[in-house]
Amino acid sequence: MKFALLISTYNWPSALNKVLQSVQNQTLKPNEILIADDGSKEETKILIEDWKQKSKIPIKHFWQEDDGFRKTIIMNKAVAGTDADYIVQIDGDIILDKNFIKDHISEKQKGFFLNGSRSLISEENTHKVLAEKELRMDWVSKNVKNKINATRFPLIANFFRKDHFKSNNVKGCNFSFWREDFIAVNGYNNDMSGWGHEDIELAARLNNLGIKQRRLKMRAICY
C-alpha cells in the first residue's frame, strides 16, 4: 500500500520548514510528500526546492496563482497528482509527533476517515520554535499547552477512540482518508472560496457516503 502526506501552505516558509523537519523525523515515513501551495511567493518555492534535494522522501510541489483563498482547488490538484492509496493531511504550520504517520496508518480502516489530536503553542513560544535550529516537541516541553492532547499513550488510546457519523468537529490539520473515498465524493468543494469549513463540508459528504469518522485521542498528535 502506498501512502502520502498532504501539506497545505501559504506564504509562511519558516513554519513549513519546521513541518518538513518533523516529517523527516517520523518513525514511519510516507512514500511521498504533496505540498498544496495556494499562491505563495518565491521564498516558499526556494525552500521547497532545497528540501527536494535533501529530503529522504520524494516531494511534489503543486502551486497556483494567488487569487484569494482557493485552498480547495489546489488541494484537489495535489490529490489528483498522486496514486497513493491513503492520504494523511496536515496544515503548513503543524509540527508532527515522531509517531504521527505511524499512528494514522495503524488506525486506518475501510469505511472510516481519521481525525487526530492537536496541542496548541502560544504565539511567543511559536517564535522561539521557529528561531531554533534543532526541533524538539513533546508533551513535557514548556512551550506546549493542553498537555492531555499532547500525551501519546497507545495502551489506553483505544478506550478514548470514537467511531461515529460526525463532521462538525473535523480539522484538516490532522486528517486522513482513503483516496478512493475522496474521489467518490468529488473531493473538496471548489465553490467554497472563503476561509474555513471546507474540511467539515468534505467530512459531511463522506458521512453521507456511509464513511464514519474515527476520532483519535492519545495517538496521531500534532502541535
N, C-alpha and C. Protein backbone atom coordinates (compact mmCIF):
# COMPACT_ATOMS: atom_id res chain seq x y z
N MET A 1 0.83 -1.20 0.00
CA MET A 1 0.00 0.00 0.00
C MET A 1 0.87 1.25 0.00
N LYS A 2 0.52 2.22 -0.82
CA LYS A 2 1.25 3.48 -0.90
C LYS A 2 0.47 4.57 -0.15
N PHE A 3 1.18 5.36 0.66
CA PHE A 3 0.50 6.45 1.35
C PHE A 3 1.32 7.73 1.24
N ALA A 4 0.60 8.86 1.23
CA ALA A 4 1.23 10.16 1.03
C ALA A 4 0.85 11.11 2.15
N LEU A 5 1.72 12.08 2.40
CA LEU A 5 1.43 13.17 3.34
C LEU A 5 1.10 14.41 2.52
N LEU A 6 -0.08 14.99 2.74
CA LEU A 6 -0.54 16.19 2.03
C LEU A 6 -0.44 17.39 2.96
N ILE A 7 0.31 18.41 2.54
CA ILE A 7 0.53 19.61 3.36
C ILE A 7 0.02 20.83 2.59
N SER A 8 -0.89 21.58 3.20
CA SER A 8 -1.33 22.85 2.60
C SER A 8 -0.44 23.97 3.13
N THR A 9 -0.13 24.95 2.27
CA THR A 9 0.72 26.06 2.72
C THR A 9 0.37 27.34 1.99
N TYR A 10 0.71 28.47 2.65
CA TYR A 10 0.55 29.78 2.02
C TYR A 10 1.45 30.79 2.73
N ASN A 11 2.54 31.18 2.08
CA ASN A 11 3.39 32.31 2.49
C ASN A 11 3.87 32.27 3.95
N TRP A 12 4.27 31.11 4.43
CA TRP A 12 4.92 31.04 5.75
C TRP A 12 6.03 30.00 5.67
N PRO A 13 7.09 30.29 4.91
CA PRO A 13 8.15 29.30 4.69
C PRO A 13 8.87 28.87 5.95
N SER A 14 9.02 29.75 6.93
CA SER A 14 9.73 29.35 8.16
C SER A 14 8.94 28.28 8.91
N ALA A 15 7.62 28.38 8.89
CA ALA A 15 6.79 27.34 9.52
C ALA A 15 6.84 26.06 8.71
N LEU A 16 6.74 26.17 7.39
CA LEU A 16 6.80 25.00 6.52
C LEU A 16 8.12 24.26 6.70
N ASN A 17 9.18 24.99 6.92
CA ASN A 17 10.49 24.38 7.14
C ASN A 17 10.47 23.46 8.36
N LYS A 18 9.83 23.94 9.45
CA LYS A 18 9.73 23.13 10.66
C LYS A 18 8.84 21.91 10.44
N VAL A 19 7.77 22.10 9.67
CA VAL A 19 6.90 20.97 9.33
C VAL A 19 7.71 19.87 8.64
N LEU A 20 8.47 20.26 7.62
CA LEU A 20 9.25 19.29 6.86
C LEU A 20 10.36 18.65 7.69
N GLN A 21 10.89 19.42 8.64
CA GLN A 21 11.85 18.85 9.59
C GLN A 21 11.21 17.71 10.37
N SER A 22 9.99 17.96 10.86
CA SER A 22 9.30 16.97 11.67
C SER A 22 8.91 15.74 10.85
N VAL A 23 8.67 15.93 9.55
CA VAL A 23 8.34 14.79 8.68
C VAL A 23 9.55 13.87 8.53
N GLN A 24 10.74 14.45 8.39
CA GLN A 24 11.95 13.65 8.25
C GLN A 24 12.23 12.81 9.50
N ASN A 25 11.69 13.23 10.65
CA ASN A 25 11.94 12.54 11.91
C ASN A 25 10.92 11.43 12.20
N GLN A 26 10.00 11.19 11.27
CA GLN A 26 8.95 10.20 11.52
C GLN A 26 9.50 8.77 11.64
N THR A 27 8.93 8.00 12.56
CA THR A 27 9.31 6.60 12.70
C THR A 27 8.83 5.78 11.51
N LEU A 28 7.73 6.19 10.90
CA LEU A 28 7.24 5.60 9.66
C LEU A 28 7.07 6.74 8.66
N LYS A 29 7.86 6.72 7.62
CA LYS A 29 7.85 7.83 6.67
C LYS A 29 6.86 7.57 5.53
N PRO A 30 6.19 8.62 5.04
CA PRO A 30 5.29 8.45 3.89
C PRO A 30 6.07 8.14 2.63
N ASN A 31 5.39 7.58 1.64
CA ASN A 31 6.04 7.30 0.36
C ASN A 31 6.34 8.56 -0.42
N GLU A 32 5.54 9.61 -0.19
CA GLU A 32 5.80 10.90 -0.83
C GLU A 32 5.13 12.02 -0.05
N ILE A 33 5.62 13.23 -0.27
CA ILE A 33 5.06 14.44 0.33
C ILE A 33 4.43 15.27 -0.78
N LEU A 34 3.18 15.68 -0.59
CA LEU A 34 2.48 16.54 -1.54
C LEU A 34 2.28 17.90 -0.89
N ILE A 35 2.82 18.96 -1.49
CA ILE A 35 2.66 20.30 -0.94
C ILE A 35 1.67 21.07 -1.81
N ALA A 36 0.51 21.39 -1.24
CA ALA A 36 -0.53 22.14 -1.94
C ALA A 36 -0.39 23.61 -1.58
N ASP A 37 0.11 24.40 -2.52
CA ASP A 37 0.52 25.78 -2.28
C ASP A 37 -0.45 26.74 -2.96
N ASP A 38 -1.20 27.49 -2.14
CA ASP A 38 -2.24 28.38 -2.65
C ASP A 38 -1.69 29.75 -3.01
N GLY A 39 -0.56 29.77 -3.74
CA GLY A 39 -0.07 31.04 -4.29
C GLY A 39 1.04 31.70 -3.50
N SER A 40 1.87 30.92 -2.80
CA SER A 40 2.98 31.52 -2.04
C SER A 40 3.99 32.18 -2.96
N LYS A 41 4.78 33.09 -2.39
CA LYS A 41 5.80 33.82 -3.15
C LYS A 41 7.06 32.97 -3.32
N GLU A 42 8.05 33.55 -3.97
CA GLU A 42 9.26 32.83 -4.40
C GLU A 42 10.01 32.20 -3.23
N GLU A 43 9.97 32.80 -2.06
CA GLU A 43 10.71 32.28 -0.91
C GLU A 43 10.28 30.86 -0.55
N THR A 44 8.98 30.60 -0.66
CA THR A 44 8.48 29.25 -0.37
C THR A 44 8.96 28.26 -1.43
N LYS A 45 8.95 28.67 -2.68
CA LYS A 45 9.43 27.79 -3.76
C LYS A 45 10.90 27.43 -3.55
N ILE A 46 11.71 28.42 -3.18
CA ILE A 46 13.15 28.18 -2.95
C ILE A 46 13.34 27.18 -1.81
N LEU A 47 12.56 27.37 -0.73
CA LEU A 47 12.64 26.45 0.41
C LEU A 47 12.30 25.02 -0.02
N ILE A 48 11.23 24.87 -0.78
CA ILE A 48 10.79 23.54 -1.21
C ILE A 48 11.83 22.89 -2.13
N GLU A 49 12.41 23.68 -3.04
CA GLU A 49 13.44 23.15 -3.93
C GLU A 49 14.65 22.66 -3.13
N ASP A 50 15.00 23.40 -2.07
CA ASP A 50 16.10 22.97 -1.20
C ASP A 50 15.76 21.65 -0.51
N TRP A 51 14.53 21.53 -0.02
CA TRP A 51 14.12 20.30 0.64
C TRP A 51 14.05 19.13 -0.34
N LYS A 52 13.70 19.39 -1.58
CA LYS A 52 13.68 18.31 -2.58
C LYS A 52 15.05 17.67 -2.72
N GLN A 53 16.10 18.48 -2.56
CA GLN A 53 17.46 17.98 -2.72
C GLN A 53 17.92 17.15 -1.52
N LYS A 54 17.46 17.50 -0.33
CA LYS A 54 17.98 16.83 0.87
C LYS A 54 17.00 15.87 1.53
N SER A 55 15.75 15.88 1.12
CA SER A 55 14.75 15.02 1.73
C SER A 55 14.95 13.56 1.33
N LYS A 56 14.77 12.66 2.28
CA LYS A 56 14.79 11.22 2.00
C LYS A 56 13.48 10.77 1.36
N ILE A 57 12.49 11.64 1.40
CA ILE A 57 11.15 11.34 0.89
C ILE A 57 10.90 12.21 -0.35
N PRO A 58 10.43 11.65 -1.45
CA PRO A 58 10.12 12.48 -2.64
C PRO A 58 9.08 13.54 -2.32
N ILE A 59 9.29 14.75 -2.87
CA ILE A 59 8.38 15.87 -2.64
C ILE A 59 7.82 16.36 -3.97
N LYS A 60 6.50 16.55 -4.02
CA LYS A 60 5.83 17.15 -5.17
C LYS A 60 5.23 18.48 -4.74
N HIS A 61 5.51 19.54 -5.50
CA HIS A 61 5.02 20.88 -5.18
C HIS A 61 3.95 21.29 -6.19
N PHE A 62 2.74 21.52 -5.70
CA PHE A 62 1.62 21.96 -6.55
C PHE A 62 1.33 23.42 -6.19
N TRP A 63 1.42 24.30 -7.18
CA TRP A 63 1.29 25.74 -6.94
C TRP A 63 0.25 26.33 -7.87
N GLN A 64 -0.48 27.32 -7.38
CA GLN A 64 -1.38 28.09 -8.24
C GLN A 64 -1.23 29.57 -7.91
N GLU A 65 -1.61 30.42 -8.84
CA GLU A 65 -1.50 31.86 -8.66
C GLU A 65 -2.34 32.32 -7.47
N ASP A 66 -1.83 33.32 -6.75
CA ASP A 66 -2.54 33.87 -5.60
C ASP A 66 -3.70 34.74 -6.09
N ASP A 67 -4.90 34.24 -5.90
CA ASP A 67 -6.10 34.96 -6.32
C ASP A 67 -7.16 34.82 -5.23
N GLY A 68 -6.75 35.12 -3.99
CA GLY A 68 -7.65 34.94 -2.85
C GLY A 68 -7.59 33.50 -2.35
N PHE A 69 -8.40 33.21 -1.36
CA PHE A 69 -8.40 31.88 -0.75
C PHE A 69 -9.01 30.87 -1.71
N ARG A 70 -8.13 29.99 -2.26
CA ARG A 70 -8.59 28.95 -3.18
C ARG A 70 -7.95 27.61 -2.79
N LYS A 71 -7.87 27.40 -1.50
CA LYS A 71 -7.23 26.20 -0.98
C LYS A 71 -7.87 24.92 -1.52
N THR A 72 -9.18 24.91 -1.64
CA THR A 72 -9.87 23.70 -2.09
C THR A 72 -9.38 23.26 -3.47
N ILE A 73 -9.15 24.21 -4.34
CA ILE A 73 -8.73 23.89 -5.72
C ILE A 73 -7.35 23.25 -5.73
N ILE A 74 -6.41 23.84 -4.99
CA ILE A 74 -5.05 23.30 -5.02
C ILE A 74 -4.95 21.98 -4.26
N MET A 75 -5.79 21.80 -3.26
CA MET A 75 -5.82 20.50 -2.56
C MET A 75 -6.29 19.41 -3.50
N ASN A 76 -7.32 19.69 -4.27
CA ASN A 76 -7.82 18.72 -5.24
C ASN A 76 -6.76 18.38 -6.29
N LYS A 77 -6.01 19.40 -6.73
CA LYS A 77 -4.96 19.16 -7.71
C LYS A 77 -3.86 18.28 -7.14
N ALA A 78 -3.54 18.48 -5.88
CA ALA A 78 -2.50 17.68 -5.24
C ALA A 78 -2.93 16.22 -5.12
N VAL A 79 -4.18 16.00 -4.72
CA VAL A 79 -4.69 14.63 -4.62
C VAL A 79 -4.74 13.97 -6.00
N ALA A 80 -5.10 14.77 -7.01
CA ALA A 80 -5.12 14.24 -8.39
C ALA A 80 -3.72 13.89 -8.87
N GLY A 81 -2.70 14.48 -8.25
CA GLY A 81 -1.33 14.28 -8.68
C GLY A 81 -0.61 13.13 -8.00
N THR A 82 -1.34 12.31 -7.27
CA THR A 82 -0.73 11.14 -6.62
C THR A 82 -1.54 9.89 -6.92
N ASP A 83 -0.88 8.75 -6.85
CA ASP A 83 -1.58 7.48 -6.95
C ASP A 83 -1.58 6.75 -5.61
N ALA A 84 -1.31 7.48 -4.54
CA ALA A 84 -1.30 6.90 -3.20
C ALA A 84 -2.68 6.35 -2.85
N ASP A 85 -2.70 5.24 -2.16
CA ASP A 85 -3.97 4.64 -1.73
C ASP A 85 -4.57 5.39 -0.54
N TYR A 86 -3.69 5.92 0.31
CA TYR A 86 -4.15 6.55 1.55
C TYR A 86 -3.42 7.87 1.72
N ILE A 87 -4.13 8.89 2.23
CA ILE A 87 -3.57 10.24 2.35
C ILE A 87 -3.74 10.75 3.77
N VAL A 88 -2.64 11.21 4.35
CA VAL A 88 -2.65 11.88 5.65
C VAL A 88 -2.47 13.37 5.38
N GLN A 89 -3.39 14.18 5.91
CA GLN A 89 -3.42 15.61 5.58
C GLN A 89 -3.12 16.47 6.81
N ILE A 90 -2.25 17.47 6.61
CA ILE A 90 -1.96 18.44 7.67
C ILE A 90 -1.88 19.83 7.08
N ASP A 91 -1.77 20.84 7.96
CA ASP A 91 -1.55 22.22 7.53
C ASP A 91 -0.06 22.54 7.54
N GLY A 92 0.29 23.64 6.91
CA GLY A 92 1.69 24.04 6.78
C GLY A 92 2.26 24.74 7.99
N ASP A 93 1.54 24.67 9.13
CA ASP A 93 2.08 25.23 10.38
C ASP A 93 1.92 24.21 11.52
N ILE A 94 2.00 22.92 11.16
CA ILE A 94 1.78 21.84 12.12
C ILE A 94 3.07 21.03 12.29
N ILE A 95 3.55 20.92 13.52
CA ILE A 95 4.71 20.09 13.83
C ILE A 95 4.20 18.73 14.28
N LEU A 96 4.79 17.68 13.74
CA LEU A 96 4.29 16.33 13.98
C LEU A 96 5.06 15.62 15.08
N ASP A 97 4.35 14.95 15.96
CA ASP A 97 4.96 13.98 16.85
C ASP A 97 5.66 12.92 15.99
N LYS A 98 6.73 12.34 16.47
CA LYS A 98 7.52 11.43 15.64
C LYS A 98 6.75 10.19 15.20
N ASN A 99 5.67 9.85 15.92
CA ASN A 99 4.86 8.68 15.57
C ASN A 99 3.55 9.07 14.88
N PHE A 100 3.46 10.30 14.41
CA PHE A 100 2.22 10.81 13.83
C PHE A 100 1.76 9.96 12.63
N ILE A 101 2.62 9.78 11.66
CA ILE A 101 2.27 9.00 10.47
C ILE A 101 1.98 7.55 10.85
N LYS A 102 2.83 6.98 11.69
CA LYS A 102 2.65 5.59 12.14
C LYS A 102 1.28 5.39 12.76
N ASP A 103 0.84 6.34 13.58
CA ASP A 103 -0.47 6.22 14.24
C ASP A 103 -1.61 6.28 13.24
N HIS A 104 -1.54 7.19 12.30
CA HIS A 104 -2.60 7.28 11.28
C HIS A 104 -2.68 5.99 10.47
N ILE A 105 -1.54 5.48 10.06
CA ILE A 105 -1.54 4.29 9.21
C ILE A 105 -2.00 3.05 9.99
N SER A 106 -1.61 2.95 11.24
CA SER A 106 -2.01 1.78 12.03
C SER A 106 -3.50 1.79 12.35
N GLU A 107 -4.13 2.97 12.35
CA GLU A 107 -5.55 3.08 12.67
C GLU A 107 -6.45 3.09 11.43
N LYS A 108 -5.87 3.14 10.26
CA LYS A 108 -6.68 3.21 9.04
C LYS A 108 -7.55 1.97 8.90
N GLN A 109 -8.73 2.17 8.35
CA GLN A 109 -9.66 1.06 8.14
C GLN A 109 -10.65 1.45 7.07
N LYS A 110 -11.01 0.51 6.21
CA LYS A 110 -12.01 0.79 5.19
C LYS A 110 -13.31 1.21 5.86
N GLY A 111 -13.97 2.22 5.29
CA GLY A 111 -15.23 2.70 5.86
C GLY A 111 -15.06 3.81 6.87
N PHE A 112 -13.79 4.29 7.06
CA PHE A 112 -13.53 5.34 8.04
C PHE A 112 -12.58 6.39 7.47
N PHE A 113 -12.72 7.64 7.96
CA PHE A 113 -11.66 8.63 7.87
C PHE A 113 -11.26 8.97 9.29
N LEU A 114 -10.03 9.47 9.49
CA LEU A 114 -9.50 9.68 10.83
C LEU A 114 -9.28 11.16 11.13
N ASN A 115 -9.50 11.51 12.39
CA ASN A 115 -9.20 12.85 12.89
C ASN A 115 -8.42 12.69 14.19
N GLY A 116 -7.23 13.30 14.28
CA GLY A 116 -6.38 13.15 15.45
C GLY A 116 -6.42 14.36 16.37
N SER A 117 -5.49 14.40 17.33
CA SER A 117 -5.43 15.45 18.35
C SER A 117 -4.39 16.50 18.00
N ARG A 118 -4.63 17.71 18.43
CA ARG A 118 -3.62 18.76 18.29
C ARG A 118 -3.45 19.47 19.62
N SER A 119 -2.22 19.87 19.89
CA SER A 119 -1.90 20.64 21.08
C SER A 119 -1.38 22.00 20.63
N LEU A 120 -1.85 23.05 21.25
CA LEU A 120 -1.54 24.40 20.78
C LEU A 120 -0.25 24.94 21.40
N ILE A 121 0.39 25.82 20.66
CA ILE A 121 1.60 26.51 21.12
C ILE A 121 1.31 28.01 21.12
N SER A 122 1.69 28.71 22.15
CA SER A 122 1.44 30.16 22.22
C SER A 122 2.22 30.89 21.14
N GLU A 123 1.80 32.10 20.83
CA GLU A 123 2.50 32.90 19.82
C GLU A 123 3.95 33.15 20.22
N GLU A 124 4.16 33.47 21.50
CA GLU A 124 5.52 33.73 21.97
C GLU A 124 6.42 32.51 21.78
N ASN A 125 5.92 31.35 22.14
CA ASN A 125 6.73 30.14 22.03
C ASN A 125 6.85 29.67 20.59
N THR A 126 5.87 30.00 19.76
CA THR A 126 5.98 29.71 18.33
C THR A 126 7.20 30.40 17.73
N HIS A 127 7.40 31.66 18.09
CA HIS A 127 8.57 32.41 17.60
C HIS A 127 9.87 31.73 18.05
N LYS A 128 9.88 31.19 19.27
CA LYS A 128 11.07 30.52 19.78
C LYS A 128 11.34 29.24 18.98
N VAL A 129 10.29 28.48 18.72
CA VAL A 129 10.43 27.23 17.97
C VAL A 129 10.97 27.52 16.57
N LEU A 130 10.44 28.56 15.93
CA LEU A 130 10.87 28.90 14.57
C LEU A 130 12.32 29.37 14.53
N ALA A 131 12.77 29.96 15.62
CA ALA A 131 14.14 30.51 15.66
C ALA A 131 15.19 29.44 15.96
N GLU A 132 14.78 28.34 16.58
CA GLU A 132 15.73 27.30 16.97
C GLU A 132 16.10 26.42 15.78
N LYS A 133 17.36 26.04 15.73
CA LYS A 133 17.82 25.18 14.64
C LYS A 133 17.34 23.75 14.84
N GLU A 134 17.46 23.24 16.05
CA GLU A 134 17.01 21.88 16.37
C GLU A 134 15.51 21.90 16.64
N LEU A 135 14.88 20.77 16.40
CA LEU A 135 13.44 20.65 16.61
C LEU A 135 13.18 19.63 17.70
N ARG A 136 12.58 20.08 18.79
CA ARG A 136 12.19 19.17 19.87
C ARG A 136 10.80 19.58 20.34
N MET A 137 9.87 18.66 20.23
CA MET A 137 8.50 18.97 20.61
C MET A 137 7.83 17.72 21.16
N ASP A 138 7.44 17.75 22.45
CA ASP A 138 6.68 16.66 23.04
C ASP A 138 5.88 17.22 24.21
N TRP A 139 5.15 16.35 24.90
CA TRP A 139 4.21 16.82 25.92
C TRP A 139 4.88 17.45 27.13
N VAL A 140 6.17 17.15 27.36
CA VAL A 140 6.86 17.74 28.51
C VAL A 140 7.47 19.09 28.18
N SER A 141 7.43 19.49 26.91
CA SER A 141 8.00 20.78 26.52
C SER A 141 7.26 21.93 27.20
N LYS A 142 8.01 22.92 27.65
CA LYS A 142 7.40 24.05 28.35
C LYS A 142 6.49 24.87 27.44
N ASN A 143 6.76 24.80 26.12
CA ASN A 143 6.02 25.66 25.21
C ASN A 143 4.75 24.99 24.67
N VAL A 144 4.33 23.87 25.26
CA VAL A 144 3.13 23.16 24.82
C VAL A 144 1.99 23.38 25.80
N LYS A 145 0.83 23.77 25.29
CA LYS A 145 -0.38 23.92 26.11
C LYS A 145 -1.22 22.66 25.99
N ASN A 146 -2.38 22.64 26.67
CA ASN A 146 -3.31 21.49 26.72
C ASN A 146 -2.56 20.15 26.57
N LYS A 147 -1.80 19.82 27.60
CA LYS A 147 -0.86 18.70 27.56
C LYS A 147 -1.54 17.34 27.40
N ILE A 148 -2.81 17.22 27.77
CA ILE A 148 -3.51 15.95 27.58
C ILE A 148 -3.56 15.61 26.09
N ASN A 149 -3.85 16.62 25.27
CA ASN A 149 -3.87 16.41 23.82
C ASN A 149 -2.49 16.07 23.27
N ALA A 150 -1.46 16.42 24.01
CA ALA A 150 -0.09 16.18 23.55
C ALA A 150 0.50 14.89 24.12
N THR A 151 -0.29 14.14 24.89
CA THR A 151 0.19 12.92 25.52
C THR A 151 -0.12 11.71 24.66
N ARG A 152 0.91 11.01 24.23
CA ARG A 152 0.73 9.79 23.45
C ARG A 152 0.80 8.58 24.37
N PHE A 153 -0.28 7.81 24.39
CA PHE A 153 -0.37 6.66 25.29
C PHE A 153 -1.14 5.56 24.56
N PRO A 154 -0.47 4.84 23.65
CA PRO A 154 -1.15 3.84 22.81
C PRO A 154 -1.89 2.75 23.59
N LEU A 155 -1.41 2.40 24.78
CA LEU A 155 -2.01 1.30 25.54
C LEU A 155 -3.45 1.60 25.96
N ILE A 156 -3.76 2.87 26.17
CA ILE A 156 -5.13 3.21 26.57
C ILE A 156 -5.87 4.03 25.51
N ALA A 157 -5.19 4.30 24.39
CA ALA A 157 -5.80 5.14 23.35
C ALA A 157 -7.12 4.57 22.84
N ASN A 158 -7.21 3.25 22.74
CA ASN A 158 -8.43 2.64 22.21
C ASN A 158 -9.66 2.91 23.07
N PHE A 159 -9.45 3.14 24.37
CA PHE A 159 -10.58 3.44 25.25
C PHE A 159 -11.18 4.82 24.96
N PHE A 160 -10.39 5.70 24.36
CA PHE A 160 -10.85 7.06 24.06
C PHE A 160 -11.23 7.23 22.58
N ARG A 161 -10.99 6.20 21.79
CA ARG A 161 -11.30 6.26 20.36
C ARG A 161 -12.81 6.26 20.16
N LYS A 162 -13.28 7.11 19.23
CA LYS A 162 -14.71 7.20 18.96
C LYS A 162 -14.95 7.01 17.46
N ASP A 163 -15.86 6.10 17.12
CA ASP A 163 -16.28 5.88 15.73
C ASP A 163 -17.73 6.33 15.60
N HIS A 164 -17.97 7.33 14.76
CA HIS A 164 -19.34 7.83 14.63
C HIS A 164 -19.51 8.60 13.33
N PHE A 165 -20.76 8.82 12.96
CA PHE A 165 -21.07 9.69 11.84
C PHE A 165 -21.11 11.12 12.38
N LYS A 166 -20.02 11.85 12.20
CA LYS A 166 -19.91 13.21 12.70
C LYS A 166 -18.94 13.98 11.84
N SER A 167 -19.24 15.24 11.57
CA SER A 167 -18.36 16.03 10.71
C SER A 167 -18.03 17.41 11.27
N ASN A 168 -18.83 17.92 12.21
CA ASN A 168 -18.67 19.32 12.63
C ASN A 168 -17.47 19.57 13.53
N ASN A 169 -16.73 18.51 13.90
CA ASN A 169 -15.52 18.69 14.71
C ASN A 169 -14.25 18.35 13.94
N VAL A 170 -14.37 18.16 12.64
CA VAL A 170 -13.22 17.75 11.82
C VAL A 170 -12.29 18.93 11.57
N LYS A 171 -10.99 18.68 11.73
CA LYS A 171 -9.97 19.70 11.46
C LYS A 171 -8.99 19.13 10.44
N GLY A 172 -8.84 19.86 9.34
CA GLY A 172 -7.98 19.39 8.25
C GLY A 172 -6.51 19.38 8.59
N CYS A 173 -6.13 19.94 9.74
CA CYS A 173 -4.72 19.94 10.14
C CYS A 173 -4.28 18.58 10.65
N ASN A 174 -5.23 17.67 10.87
CA ASN A 174 -4.90 16.35 11.40
C ASN A 174 -6.00 15.39 10.95
N PHE A 175 -5.88 14.91 9.71
CA PHE A 175 -6.99 14.30 9.00
C PHE A 175 -6.42 13.27 8.03
N SER A 176 -7.05 12.13 7.91
CA SER A 176 -6.58 11.16 6.91
C SER A 176 -7.75 10.40 6.32
N PHE A 177 -7.56 9.91 5.10
CA PHE A 177 -8.67 9.30 4.37
C PHE A 177 -8.13 8.42 3.24
N TRP A 178 -9.01 7.53 2.76
CA TRP A 178 -8.71 6.74 1.58
C TRP A 178 -8.92 7.60 0.34
N ARG A 179 -7.98 7.57 -0.57
CA ARG A 179 -8.08 8.39 -1.78
C ARG A 179 -9.34 8.03 -2.58
N GLU A 180 -9.71 6.76 -2.62
CA GLU A 180 -10.89 6.35 -3.38
C GLU A 180 -12.17 6.95 -2.78
N ASP A 181 -12.21 7.15 -1.46
CA ASP A 181 -13.37 7.80 -0.83
C ASP A 181 -13.41 9.27 -1.18
N PHE A 182 -12.24 9.92 -1.18
CA PHE A 182 -12.13 11.33 -1.54
C PHE A 182 -12.64 11.55 -2.97
N ILE A 183 -12.26 10.66 -3.88
CA ILE A 183 -12.69 10.77 -5.27
C ILE A 183 -14.19 10.49 -5.39
N ALA A 184 -14.69 9.54 -4.60
CA ALA A 184 -16.10 9.16 -4.67
C ALA A 184 -17.03 10.32 -4.31
N VAL A 185 -16.57 11.24 -3.42
CA VAL A 185 -17.39 12.40 -3.07
C VAL A 185 -16.97 13.66 -3.84
N ASN A 186 -16.10 13.45 -4.85
CA ASN A 186 -15.66 14.53 -5.73
C ASN A 186 -14.75 15.54 -5.03
N GLY A 187 -14.04 15.10 -3.99
CA GLY A 187 -13.03 15.93 -3.35
C GLY A 187 -13.59 17.15 -2.65
N TYR A 188 -12.70 18.14 -2.46
CA TYR A 188 -13.13 19.40 -1.84
C TYR A 188 -14.05 20.17 -2.78
N ASN A 189 -14.91 20.98 -2.18
CA ASN A 189 -15.87 21.78 -2.93
C ASN A 189 -15.19 23.06 -3.44
N ASN A 190 -14.93 23.13 -4.73
CA ASN A 190 -14.22 24.28 -5.31
C ASN A 190 -15.03 25.57 -5.25
N ASP A 191 -16.32 25.49 -4.97
CA ASP A 191 -17.14 26.70 -4.87
C ASP A 191 -16.95 27.41 -3.54
N MET A 192 -16.26 26.77 -2.60
CA MET A 192 -16.01 27.39 -1.29
C MET A 192 -14.76 28.26 -1.41
N SER A 193 -14.95 29.55 -1.56
CA SER A 193 -13.85 30.47 -1.84
C SER A 193 -13.37 31.22 -0.60
N GLY A 194 -14.07 31.12 0.52
CA GLY A 194 -13.66 31.80 1.74
C GLY A 194 -13.04 30.84 2.73
N TRP A 195 -12.30 31.37 3.71
CA TRP A 195 -11.58 30.51 4.65
C TRP A 195 -12.54 29.81 5.60
N GLY A 196 -12.24 28.58 5.91
CA GLY A 196 -12.94 27.84 6.94
C GLY A 196 -14.05 26.94 6.44
N HIS A 197 -14.28 25.87 7.18
CA HIS A 197 -15.40 24.92 6.99
C HIS A 197 -15.28 24.03 5.76
N GLU A 198 -14.23 24.20 4.97
CA GLU A 198 -14.10 23.31 3.81
C GLU A 198 -13.86 21.86 4.24
N ASP A 199 -13.17 21.67 5.37
CA ASP A 199 -12.91 20.32 5.87
C ASP A 199 -14.19 19.68 6.42
N ILE A 200 -14.98 20.48 7.15
CA ILE A 200 -16.24 19.99 7.70
C ILE A 200 -17.20 19.61 6.58
N GLU A 201 -17.25 20.43 5.54
CA GLU A 201 -18.15 20.15 4.41
C GLU A 201 -17.76 18.88 3.69
N LEU A 202 -16.45 18.66 3.52
CA LEU A 202 -15.97 17.43 2.91
C LEU A 202 -16.33 16.23 3.79
N ALA A 203 -16.11 16.36 5.10
CA ALA A 203 -16.41 15.26 6.02
C ALA A 203 -17.90 14.93 6.02
N ALA A 204 -18.76 15.94 5.89
CA ALA A 204 -20.21 15.71 5.84
C ALA A 204 -20.58 14.86 4.62
N ARG A 205 -19.94 15.14 3.49
CA ARG A 205 -20.23 14.34 2.28
C ARG A 205 -19.68 12.92 2.42
N LEU A 206 -18.56 12.77 3.12
CA LEU A 206 -18.05 11.42 3.41
C LEU A 206 -19.05 10.66 4.29
N ASN A 207 -19.58 11.35 5.32
CA ASN A 207 -20.62 10.74 6.15
C ASN A 207 -21.82 10.30 5.33
N ASN A 208 -22.24 11.16 4.41
CA ASN A 208 -23.40 10.84 3.57
C ASN A 208 -23.15 9.63 2.68
N LEU A 209 -21.86 9.38 2.39
CA LEU A 209 -21.49 8.21 1.59
C LEU A 209 -21.46 6.94 2.45
N GLY A 210 -21.57 7.12 3.77
CA GLY A 210 -21.51 5.98 4.68
C GLY A 210 -20.17 5.80 5.34
N ILE A 211 -19.27 6.80 5.19
CA ILE A 211 -17.94 6.74 5.79
C ILE A 211 -17.98 7.40 7.17
N LYS A 212 -17.59 6.67 8.21
CA LYS A 212 -17.60 7.19 9.57
C LYS A 212 -16.31 7.93 9.91
N GLN A 213 -16.41 8.82 10.88
CA GLN A 213 -15.22 9.44 11.46
C GLN A 213 -14.69 8.57 12.60
N ARG A 214 -13.39 8.34 12.61
CA ARG A 214 -12.73 7.73 13.76
C ARG A 214 -11.93 8.83 14.46
N ARG A 215 -12.33 9.17 15.65
CA ARG A 215 -11.70 10.25 16.42
C ARG A 215 -10.63 9.64 17.32
N LEU A 216 -9.38 10.08 17.16
CA LEU A 216 -8.27 9.53 17.91
C LEU A 216 -7.86 10.45 19.05
N LYS A 217 -7.59 9.86 20.21
CA LYS A 217 -7.00 10.55 21.34
C LYS A 217 -5.77 9.78 21.79
N MET A 218 -4.76 10.52 22.21
CA MET A 218 -3.50 9.95 22.69
C MET A 218 -2.76 9.18 21.61
N ARG A 219 -3.09 9.45 20.37
CA ARG A 219 -2.36 8.96 19.20
C ARG A 219 -2.50 10.03 18.12
N ALA A 220 -1.62 9.97 17.10
CA ALA A 220 -1.68 10.92 15.96
C ALA A 220 -1.67 12.36 16.46
N ILE A 221 -0.64 12.71 17.20
CA ILE A 221 -0.54 14.01 17.86
C ILE A 221 0.24 15.00 17.01
N CYS A 222 -0.26 16.24 16.96
CA CYS A 222 0.47 17.32 16.28
C CYS A 222 0.40 18.59 17.12
N TYR A 223 1.29 19.54 16.77
CA TYR A 223 1.39 20.79 17.54
C TYR A 223 1.27 21.98 16.60
